[in-house]
Every structure is written in structure tokens, then in C-alpha cells.
């Protein structure tokens, strides 16, 4: 069963409605194996929208490691967002 997708703003890129954020396990350091497994599992499930921010500590490194390992497995473009431009 494919995950539902929508266009990401004005980019025209289609991303899954369900994404993986950089909070939780991905906000840690020293858990490379588990974090990379989590990211790769999300990719296996069809997720192609991943989010990160500087406040999420180690998530950027984990995403980098996972994308390097899984680069040949990506059947579609994967989006990684960083931060937000939302006004509060």
C-alpha cells in the first residue's frame, strides 16, 4: 500500500503525508545504528519526507549517514527540510 502524497508548497515536489521528524531518537548522539535503522525503515515504508532542525541535535548527522548508506535504494526523490519560516 503506497503512502498518500501531496505537493510540497510551490516546489511541485510530491511528498508523503507522513514524514519522519528529527525529534526523539534522532535528537540524540551515539545511537548511529538504531537511528540509521529507523530512517531506513521509514524509507522502506515509502516515507520520502524527512524533517530536521539545529535544535534536534544529532538528527542531521543521522540523516547524512542514512542517506549515504541508502542512496542506491532511493526509488524516488527524498525531501529533507531544515527549520521553518513560520511566524509565531
N, C-alpha and C. Protein backbone atom coordinates (compact mmCIF):
# COMPACT_ATOMS: atom_id res chain seq x y z
N UNK A 1 0.84 -1.18 0.00
CA UNK A 1 0.00 0.00 0.00
C UNK A 1 0.89 1.25 0.00
N UNK A 2 0.72 2.06 -0.99
CA UNK A 2 1.53 3.28 -1.11
C UNK A 2 0.99 4.36 -0.17
N UNK A 3 1.91 5.13 0.40
CA UNK A 3 1.52 6.24 1.25
C UNK A 3 1.01 7.39 0.39
N UNK A 4 -0.02 8.06 0.90
CA UNK A 4 -0.60 9.20 0.19
C UNK A 4 0.42 10.33 0.12
N UNK A 5 0.42 11.03 -1.00
CA UNK A 5 1.36 12.14 -1.20
C UNK A 5 0.61 13.42 -1.56
N UNK A 6 1.26 14.52 -1.28
CA UNK A 6 0.76 15.85 -1.67
C UNK A 6 1.93 16.69 -2.14
N UNK A 7 1.61 17.74 -2.90
CA UNK A 7 2.66 18.65 -3.35
C UNK A 7 3.15 19.50 -2.18
N UNK A 8 4.46 19.70 -2.13
CA UNK A 8 5.10 20.47 -1.07
C UNK A 8 5.16 21.94 -1.49
N UNK A 9 4.20 22.72 -1.01
CA UNK A 9 4.16 24.15 -1.30
C UNK A 9 4.26 24.42 -2.79
N UNK A 10 5.06 25.39 -3.14
CA UNK A 10 5.21 25.78 -4.54
C UNK A 10 6.35 25.02 -5.23
N UNK A 11 6.96 24.04 -4.54
CA UNK A 11 8.07 23.29 -5.13
C UNK A 11 7.60 22.34 -6.22
N UNK A 12 6.34 21.90 -6.11
CA UNK A 12 5.82 20.92 -7.05
C UNK A 12 6.25 19.50 -6.72
N UNK A 13 7.12 19.36 -5.74
CA UNK A 13 7.60 18.04 -5.35
C UNK A 13 6.53 17.32 -4.54
N UNK A 14 6.31 16.05 -4.83
CA UNK A 14 5.33 15.25 -4.10
C UNK A 14 5.99 14.57 -2.91
N UNK A 15 5.44 14.79 -1.72
CA UNK A 15 5.97 14.18 -0.51
C UNK A 15 4.86 13.44 0.21
N UNK A 16 5.25 12.46 1.00
CA UNK A 16 4.27 11.68 1.75
C UNK A 16 3.64 12.52 2.85
N UNK A 17 2.36 12.26 3.11
CA UNK A 17 1.68 12.98 4.19
C UNK A 17 2.28 12.64 5.54
N UNK A 18 2.84 11.46 5.64
CA UNK A 18 3.52 11.04 6.87
C UNK A 18 5.01 11.19 6.65
N UNK A 19 5.67 11.87 7.57
CA UNK A 19 7.10 12.07 7.46
C UNK A 19 7.80 11.61 8.73
N UNK A 20 9.10 11.73 8.74
CA UNK A 20 9.89 11.40 9.92
C UNK A 20 10.58 12.67 10.40
N UNK A 21 10.29 13.06 11.62
CA UNK A 21 10.89 14.26 12.20
C UNK A 21 12.17 13.94 12.95
N UNK A 22 12.94 14.98 13.21
CA UNK A 22 14.23 14.81 13.85
C UNK A 22 14.18 14.74 15.37
N UNK A 23 13.03 14.78 15.97
CA UNK A 23 12.87 14.71 17.42
C UNK A 23 12.99 13.26 17.88
N UNK A 24 12.99 13.01 19.16
CA UNK A 24 13.04 11.65 19.70
C UNK A 24 14.43 11.05 19.58
N UNK A 25 14.49 9.80 19.13
CA UNK A 25 15.77 9.10 18.98
C UNK A 25 16.74 9.91 18.13
N UNK A 26 16.23 10.56 17.12
CA UNK A 26 17.12 11.29 16.21
C UNK A 26 17.70 12.55 16.84
N UNK A 27 17.23 12.93 18.01
CA UNK A 27 17.75 14.12 18.70
C UNK A 27 18.93 13.78 19.61
N UNK A 28 19.37 12.56 19.57
CA UNK A 28 20.43 12.08 20.45
C UNK A 28 21.78 12.03 19.72
N UNK A 29 22.79 11.63 20.43
CA UNK A 29 24.10 11.33 19.85
C UNK A 29 24.49 9.93 20.29
N UNK A 30 25.29 9.25 19.48
CA UNK A 30 25.82 7.95 19.87
C UNK A 30 24.91 6.77 19.62
N UNK A 31 23.83 6.97 18.91
CA UNK A 31 22.90 5.87 18.61
C UNK A 31 22.82 5.65 17.10
N UNK A 32 23.96 5.72 16.45
CA UNK A 32 24.01 5.67 14.99
C UNK A 32 23.28 4.46 14.41
N UNK A 33 23.57 3.29 14.91
CA UNK A 33 22.98 2.07 14.34
C UNK A 33 21.47 2.12 14.40
N UNK A 34 20.90 2.46 15.56
CA UNK A 34 19.45 2.49 15.72
C UNK A 34 18.81 3.61 14.91
N UNK A 35 19.45 4.76 14.89
CA UNK A 35 18.90 5.89 14.14
C UNK A 35 18.89 5.60 12.64
N UNK A 36 19.97 5.05 12.13
CA UNK A 36 20.04 4.74 10.70
C UNK A 36 19.02 3.65 10.36
N UNK A 37 18.84 2.67 11.24
CA UNK A 37 17.82 1.63 11.03
C UNK A 37 16.43 2.26 10.96
N UNK A 38 16.15 3.20 11.86
CA UNK A 38 14.85 3.87 11.89
C UNK A 38 14.60 4.63 10.58
N UNK A 39 15.58 5.39 10.14
CA UNK A 39 15.45 6.17 8.91
C UNK A 39 15.26 5.23 7.71
N UNK A 40 16.06 4.18 7.64
CA UNK A 40 15.94 3.23 6.53
C UNK A 40 14.60 2.49 6.56
N UNK A 41 14.09 2.22 7.75
CA UNK A 41 12.77 1.58 7.85
C UNK A 41 11.70 2.52 7.31
N UNK A 42 11.79 3.81 7.64
CA UNK A 42 10.84 4.79 7.11
C UNK A 42 10.91 4.80 5.58
N UNK A 43 12.11 4.77 5.03
CA UNK A 43 12.27 4.74 3.57
C UNK A 43 11.64 3.48 3.00
N UNK A 44 11.87 2.33 3.66
CA UNK A 44 11.28 1.07 3.21
C UNK A 44 9.76 1.13 3.20
N UNK A 45 9.18 1.88 4.14
CA UNK A 45 7.72 2.02 4.22
C UNK A 45 7.17 3.00 3.18
N UNK A 46 8.08 3.71 2.50
CA UNK A 46 7.65 4.64 1.47
C UNK A 46 7.71 6.10 1.85
N UNK A 47 8.14 6.40 3.07
CA UNK A 47 8.25 7.79 3.51
C UNK A 47 9.32 8.49 2.68
N UNK A 48 9.01 9.69 2.19
CA UNK A 48 10.01 10.45 1.45
C UNK A 48 10.11 11.90 1.95
N UNK A 49 9.55 12.16 3.12
CA UNK A 49 9.62 13.50 3.71
C UNK A 49 10.27 13.39 5.09
N UNK A 50 11.41 14.02 5.25
CA UNK A 50 12.18 13.97 6.49
C UNK A 50 12.46 15.39 6.95
N UNK A 51 12.39 15.62 8.23
CA UNK A 51 12.50 16.96 8.78
C UNK A 51 13.60 17.02 9.82
N UNK A 52 14.29 18.14 9.88
CA UNK A 52 15.36 18.32 10.84
C UNK A 52 15.46 19.80 11.21
N UNK A 53 16.15 20.06 12.29
CA UNK A 53 16.44 21.43 12.73
C UNK A 53 17.67 21.38 13.62
N UNK A 54 18.38 22.47 13.73
CA UNK A 54 19.57 22.52 14.59
C UNK A 54 19.24 22.08 16.01
N UNK A 55 18.06 22.41 16.50
CA UNK A 55 17.66 22.05 17.86
C UNK A 55 17.53 20.55 18.05
N UNK A 56 17.46 19.79 16.96
CA UNK A 56 17.31 18.34 17.06
C UNK A 56 18.66 17.65 17.14
N UNK A 57 19.64 18.34 17.61
CA UNK A 57 20.98 17.81 17.88
C UNK A 57 21.52 16.92 16.78
N UNK A 58 21.62 15.62 17.02
CA UNK A 58 22.31 14.70 16.12
C UNK A 58 21.55 14.29 14.87
N UNK A 59 20.31 14.76 14.71
CA UNK A 59 19.50 14.27 13.59
C UNK A 59 20.14 14.53 12.23
N UNK A 60 20.78 15.66 12.06
CA UNK A 60 21.39 15.95 10.76
C UNK A 60 22.48 14.93 10.42
N UNK A 61 23.27 14.55 11.40
CA UNK A 61 24.31 13.54 11.17
C UNK A 61 23.69 12.19 10.83
N UNK A 62 22.65 11.82 11.55
CA UNK A 62 21.99 10.54 11.29
C UNK A 62 21.40 10.51 9.88
N UNK A 63 20.74 11.59 9.49
CA UNK A 63 20.17 11.65 8.14
C UNK A 63 21.28 11.54 7.09
N UNK A 64 22.40 12.20 7.34
CA UNK A 64 23.52 12.13 6.41
C UNK A 64 24.06 10.72 6.28
N UNK A 65 24.23 10.05 7.40
CA UNK A 65 24.73 8.67 7.37
C UNK A 65 23.74 7.75 6.66
N UNK A 66 22.47 7.88 6.98
CA UNK A 66 21.45 7.02 6.38
C UNK A 66 21.34 7.27 4.88
N UNK A 67 21.38 8.53 4.46
CA UNK A 67 21.24 8.80 3.03
C UNK A 67 22.46 8.31 2.26
N UNK A 68 23.63 8.35 2.89
CA UNK A 68 24.82 7.82 2.24
C UNK A 68 24.73 6.32 2.08
N UNK A 69 24.21 5.64 3.07
CA UNK A 69 24.07 4.18 3.03
C UNK A 69 22.95 3.78 2.06
N UNK A 70 21.86 4.54 2.06
CA UNK A 70 20.68 4.15 1.29
C UNK A 70 20.58 4.82 -0.07
N UNK A 71 21.55 5.61 -0.46
CA UNK A 71 21.45 6.39 -1.70
C UNK A 71 21.06 5.54 -2.91
N UNK A 72 21.58 4.35 -3.00
CA UNK A 72 21.28 3.49 -4.15
C UNK A 72 19.87 2.90 -4.06
N UNK A 73 19.25 2.95 -2.87
CA UNK A 73 17.93 2.36 -2.67
C UNK A 73 16.81 3.34 -2.95
N UNK A 74 17.10 4.63 -3.03
CA UNK A 74 16.04 5.62 -3.22
C UNK A 74 15.40 5.43 -4.59
N UNK A 75 14.14 5.04 -4.59
CA UNK A 75 13.45 4.87 -5.86
C UNK A 75 12.77 6.17 -6.28
N UNK A 76 12.64 7.09 -5.33
CA UNK A 76 12.09 8.41 -5.64
C UNK A 76 12.86 9.43 -4.83
N UNK A 77 12.72 10.64 -5.20
CA UNK A 77 13.44 11.72 -4.52
C UNK A 77 12.98 11.83 -3.08
N UNK A 78 13.92 12.03 -2.18
CA UNK A 78 13.63 12.17 -0.76
C UNK A 78 13.84 13.62 -0.38
N UNK A 79 12.91 14.18 0.38
CA UNK A 79 12.99 15.57 0.80
C UNK A 79 13.43 15.66 2.25
N UNK A 80 14.34 16.54 2.51
CA UNK A 80 14.78 16.80 3.88
C UNK A 80 14.64 18.29 4.12
N UNK A 81 13.77 18.65 5.04
CA UNK A 81 13.60 20.08 5.35
C UNK A 81 14.41 20.42 6.57
N UNK A 82 14.73 21.68 6.70
CA UNK A 82 15.51 22.15 7.83
C UNK A 82 14.91 23.45 8.32
N UNK A 83 14.53 23.47 9.59
CA UNK A 83 13.99 24.69 10.17
C UNK A 83 12.62 25.04 9.62
N UNK A 84 12.20 26.24 9.89
CA UNK A 84 10.88 26.69 9.44
C UNK A 84 10.91 28.18 9.23
N UNK A 85 10.03 28.63 8.39
CA UNK A 85 9.89 30.07 8.18
C UNK A 85 8.58 30.58 8.76
N UNK A 86 7.92 29.73 9.53
CA UNK A 86 6.64 30.11 10.12
C UNK A 86 6.83 31.23 11.14
N UNK A 87 5.91 32.15 11.12
CA UNK A 87 5.94 33.26 12.07
C UNK A 87 5.04 32.92 13.26
N UNK A 88 5.49 33.27 14.44
CA UNK A 88 4.69 32.98 15.63
C UNK A 88 4.18 34.26 16.23
